[in-house]
């Protein structure tokens, strides 16, 4: 998705940050969402979407509101490291970040386009992220959004706050398919 598509879906960000590596972050503190954009040709495209737990991770000022959603395997932002492993199996990659304001441990499932970060001191999840899977898999990863978020072309929206009746038709009900061209367009041979 491009910057304009994210703004159309989520509105203007509360904050934006340009990094030295040409990355741009749009932060939506009240929604618990941050979007990392990277240059792709002449456009900035969404590369990673971070969904925050409301737990301080050390860099976010102000703290992001808790994002209320679930992954396709019922992992919420309240889930533990062990519960994530039970749901997804051993992580494909993992590590520790010890020399930062709040030391953390992380795990990633690159083929599913999912990753998780936890505080080292108390094990609470800081955020989960979704991105383009590194290699194709049979079923794309999904995240269920709460009804306050509408990521066009991104997740399937299923309200957690009001499971019945179903969300109104006006809410975008789109499946997270990180392999879809609408979210991560295929790169052409020329670029």
Protein backbone atom coordinates (compact mmCIF):
# COMPACT_ATOMS: atom_id res chain seq x y z
CA UNK A 1 0.00 0.00 0.00
CA UNK A 2 1.16 3.52 -0.70
CA UNK A 3 1.17 6.42 1.75
CA UNK A 4 -2.04 7.82 0.23
CA UNK A 5 -3.78 4.43 0.55
CA UNK A 6 -2.79 4.17 4.24
CA UNK A 7 -4.01 7.74 4.87
CA UNK A 8 -7.28 6.94 3.10
CA UNK A 9 -7.71 3.87 5.35
CA UNK A 10 -6.43 5.22 8.69
CA UNK A 11 -6.46 9.00 8.35
CA UNK A 12 -3.57 11.37 8.95
CA UNK A 13 -0.94 9.97 11.32
CA UNK A 14 -0.45 11.40 14.79
CA UNK A 15 3.28 11.54 14.10
CA UNK A 16 5.77 10.68 11.40
CA UNK A 17 9.45 9.91 11.59
CA UNK A 18 12.03 9.80 8.80
CA UNK A 19 14.98 7.53 9.54
CA UNK A 20 18.48 7.86 8.13
CA UNK A 21 17.90 4.74 5.98
CA UNK A 22 15.09 6.41 3.93
CA UNK A 23 12.47 4.56 6.00
CA UNK A 24 9.42 6.56 7.07
CA UNK A 25 7.20 5.63 10.02
CA UNK A 26 3.59 6.80 10.36
CA UNK A 27 2.37 6.44 13.95
CA UNK A 28 -1.26 6.19 14.98
CA UNK A 29 -0.99 6.28 18.79
CA UNK A 30 -4.72 6.17 19.49
CA UNK A 31 -5.16 3.16 17.18
CA UNK A 32 -2.09 1.23 18.39
CA UNK A 33 -0.64 1.06 14.88
CA UNK A 34 2.60 2.16 13.24
CA UNK A 35 3.35 1.72 9.55
CA UNK A 36 6.89 1.46 8.18
CA UNK A 37 7.21 2.69 4.60
CA UNK A 38 10.19 1.98 2.37
CA UNK A 39 11.01 3.45 -1.03
CA UNK A 40 9.99 1.35 -4.00
CA UNK A 41 10.82 3.15 -7.20
CA UNK A 42 9.34 6.64 -6.94
CA UNK A 43 6.78 5.64 -4.27
CA UNK A 44 6.89 4.84 -0.58
CA UNK A 45 5.15 1.52 0.10
CA UNK A 46 4.11 -0.09 3.37
CA UNK A 47 6.76 -2.66 4.29
CA UNK A 48 5.74 -3.54 7.87
CA UNK A 49 2.76 -2.80 10.08
CA UNK A 50 3.33 -2.82 13.84
CA UNK A 51 0.42 -3.48 16.21
CA UNK A 52 1.15 -2.35 19.79
CA UNK A 53 0.10 -3.74 23.16
CA UNK A 54 0.21 -0.49 25.10
CA UNK A 55 3.23 -1.83 27.02
CA UNK A 56 6.23 0.49 27.05
CA UNK A 57 9.03 -0.73 24.81
CA UNK A 58 11.37 2.19 25.41
CA UNK A 59 11.14 4.25 22.22
CA UNK A 60 7.51 5.16 21.82
CA UNK A 61 6.55 8.58 23.14
CA UNK A 62 3.69 8.80 23.73
CA UNK A 63 2.84 5.18 24.43
CA UNK A 64 0.66 3.55 21.77
CA UNK A 65 -2.86 2.62 22.81
CA UNK A 66 -3.47 -1.10 22.97
CA UNK A 67 -4.45 -2.58 19.62
CA UNK A 68 -7.24 -5.10 20.17
CA UNK A 69 -6.98 -7.86 17.63
CA UNK A 70 -6.02 -11.49 17.17
CA UNK A 71 -3.85 -13.42 14.76
CA UNK A 72 -5.26 -16.34 12.80
CA UNK A 73 -4.21 -18.60 15.72
CA UNK A 74 -5.85 -16.51 18.46
CA UNK A 75 -2.68 -14.76 19.59
CA UNK A 76 -3.47 -11.38 21.15
CA UNK A 77 -1.16 -8.67 22.36
CA UNK A 78 -1.65 -10.13 25.87
CA UNK A 79 -0.20 -13.49 24.79
CA UNK A 80 3.04 -14.82 26.28
CA UNK A 81 6.18 -15.96 24.50
CA UNK A 82 5.24 -19.55 25.32
CA UNK A 83 1.71 -19.19 23.96
CA UNK A 84 3.08 -17.83 20.67
CA UNK A 85 5.42 -20.83 20.37
CA UNK A 86 2.56 -23.21 21.21
CA UNK A 87 0.44 -21.60 18.47
CA UNK A 88 3.09 -21.19 15.74
CA UNK A 89 5.86 -23.61 16.68
CA UNK A 90 9.54 -22.79 17.08
CA UNK A 91 10.39 -19.37 15.64
CA UNK A 92 12.33 -19.29 12.39
CA UNK A 93 14.52 -16.51 13.82
CA UNK A 94 14.86 -15.05 17.29
CA UNK A 95 17.13 -12.82 19.30
CA UNK A 96 17.60 -10.36 22.10
CA UNK A 97 18.03 -6.60 22.15
CA UNK A 98 19.83 -5.90 25.40
CA UNK A 99 21.42 -2.46 24.91
CA UNK A 100 18.24 -0.46 24.41
CA UNK A 101 16.07 1.51 26.87
CA UNK A 102 13.86 -1.53 27.59
CA UNK A 103 15.72 -4.79 26.86
CA UNK A 104 13.61 -7.19 24.81
CA UNK A 105 13.50 -10.56 23.13
CA UNK A 106 11.99 -11.09 19.71
CA UNK A 107 10.90 -13.96 17.51
CA UNK A 108 9.93 -14.05 13.86
CA UNK A 109 8.09 -16.37 11.53
CA UNK A 110 9.47 -14.98 8.29
CA UNK A 111 7.55 -17.39 6.04
CA UNK A 112 4.30 -16.28 7.68
CA UNK A 113 5.16 -12.58 7.71
CA UNK A 114 4.77 -12.37 11.49
CA UNK A 115 7.03 -11.27 14.32
CA UNK A 116 6.70 -10.57 18.04
CA UNK A 117 8.66 -8.53 20.59
CA UNK A 118 8.52 -9.05 24.38
CA UNK A 119 9.98 -7.18 27.35
CA UNK A 120 12.86 -9.17 28.81
CA UNK A 121 12.13 -8.13 32.41
CA UNK A 122 8.50 -9.26 32.70
CA UNK A 123 7.73 -11.09 29.42
CA UNK A 124 4.88 -8.82 28.33
CA UNK A 125 4.43 -8.43 24.60
CA UNK A 126 5.41 -4.99 23.28
CA UNK A 127 4.14 -5.42 19.73
CA UNK A 128 3.55 -7.83 16.91
CA UNK A 129 4.24 -7.02 13.30
CA UNK A 130 3.07 -8.21 9.93
CA UNK A 131 4.99 -7.92 6.70
CA UNK A 132 5.42 -9.64 3.38
CA UNK A 133 6.35 -13.28 3.96
CA UNK A 134 9.89 -14.17 2.94
CA UNK A 135 8.73 -17.21 0.99
CA UNK A 136 5.31 -18.35 -0.14
CA UNK A 137 3.22 -20.63 2.02
CA UNK A 138 -0.03 -22.42 1.38
CA UNK A 139 -2.18 -20.16 3.56
CA UNK A 140 -1.40 -16.49 4.13
CA UNK A 141 -1.11 -15.12 7.65
CA UNK A 142 -4.08 -13.25 8.99
CA UNK A 143 -4.68 -10.73 11.73
CA UNK A 144 -8.11 -9.77 12.94
CA UNK A 145 -8.55 -6.05 13.42
CA UNK A 146 -10.80 -4.47 15.98
CA UNK A 147 -13.59 -2.32 14.62
CA UNK A 148 -11.68 0.94 15.08
CA UNK A 149 -9.12 0.08 12.41
CA UNK A 150 -9.71 -0.20 8.69
CA UNK A 151 -6.62 -1.19 6.77
CA UNK A 152 -7.74 -1.26 3.19
CA UNK A 153 -6.42 -4.35 1.45
CA UNK A 154 -4.83 -5.62 4.65
CA UNK A 155 -6.54 -7.57 7.44
CA UNK A 156 -9.91 -9.17 7.71
CA UNK A 157 -11.91 -7.04 10.07
CA UNK A 158 -13.79 -9.02 12.67
CA UNK A 159 -14.88 -7.06 15.67
CA UNK A 160 -13.65 -8.39 19.00
CA UNK A 161 -15.64 -5.88 20.98
CA UNK A 162 -19.05 -6.84 19.61
CA UNK A 163 -19.03 -10.39 18.23
CA UNK A 164 -22.77 -10.24 17.61
CA UNK A 165 -24.25 -8.80 15.56
CA UNK A 166 -21.57 -8.94 12.86
CA UNK A 167 -19.86 -5.69 11.91
CA UNK A 168 -21.87 -3.39 9.67
CA UNK A 169 -21.32 -3.78 5.93
CA UNK A 170 -19.75 -0.31 5.88
CA UNK A 171 -16.74 -1.68 7.76
CA UNK A 172 -14.06 -3.00 5.49
CA UNK A 173 -14.01 -6.79 5.76
CA UNK A 174 -10.85 -7.69 3.91
CA UNK A 175 -8.59 -10.65 4.57
CA UNK A 176 -4.94 -10.15 5.38
CA UNK A 177 -3.25 -11.70 2.46
CA UNK A 178 0.29 -10.54 2.61
CA UNK A 179 0.87 -12.15 -0.75
CA UNK A 180 -1.77 -10.03 -2.51
CA UNK A 181 -0.57 -7.55 -5.08
CA UNK A 182 -2.76 -4.83 -3.55
CA UNK A 183 -0.66 -4.75 -0.38
CA UNK A 184 2.76 -5.86 -1.57
CA UNK A 185 2.84 -5.56 -5.35
CA UNK A 186 5.17 -7.93 -7.16
CA UNK A 187 8.37 -6.31 -8.31
CA UNK A 188 8.91 -6.28 -12.03
CA UNK A 189 12.08 -7.68 -13.53
CA UNK A 190 13.18 -4.11 -14.30
CA UNK A 191 12.81 -2.73 -10.78
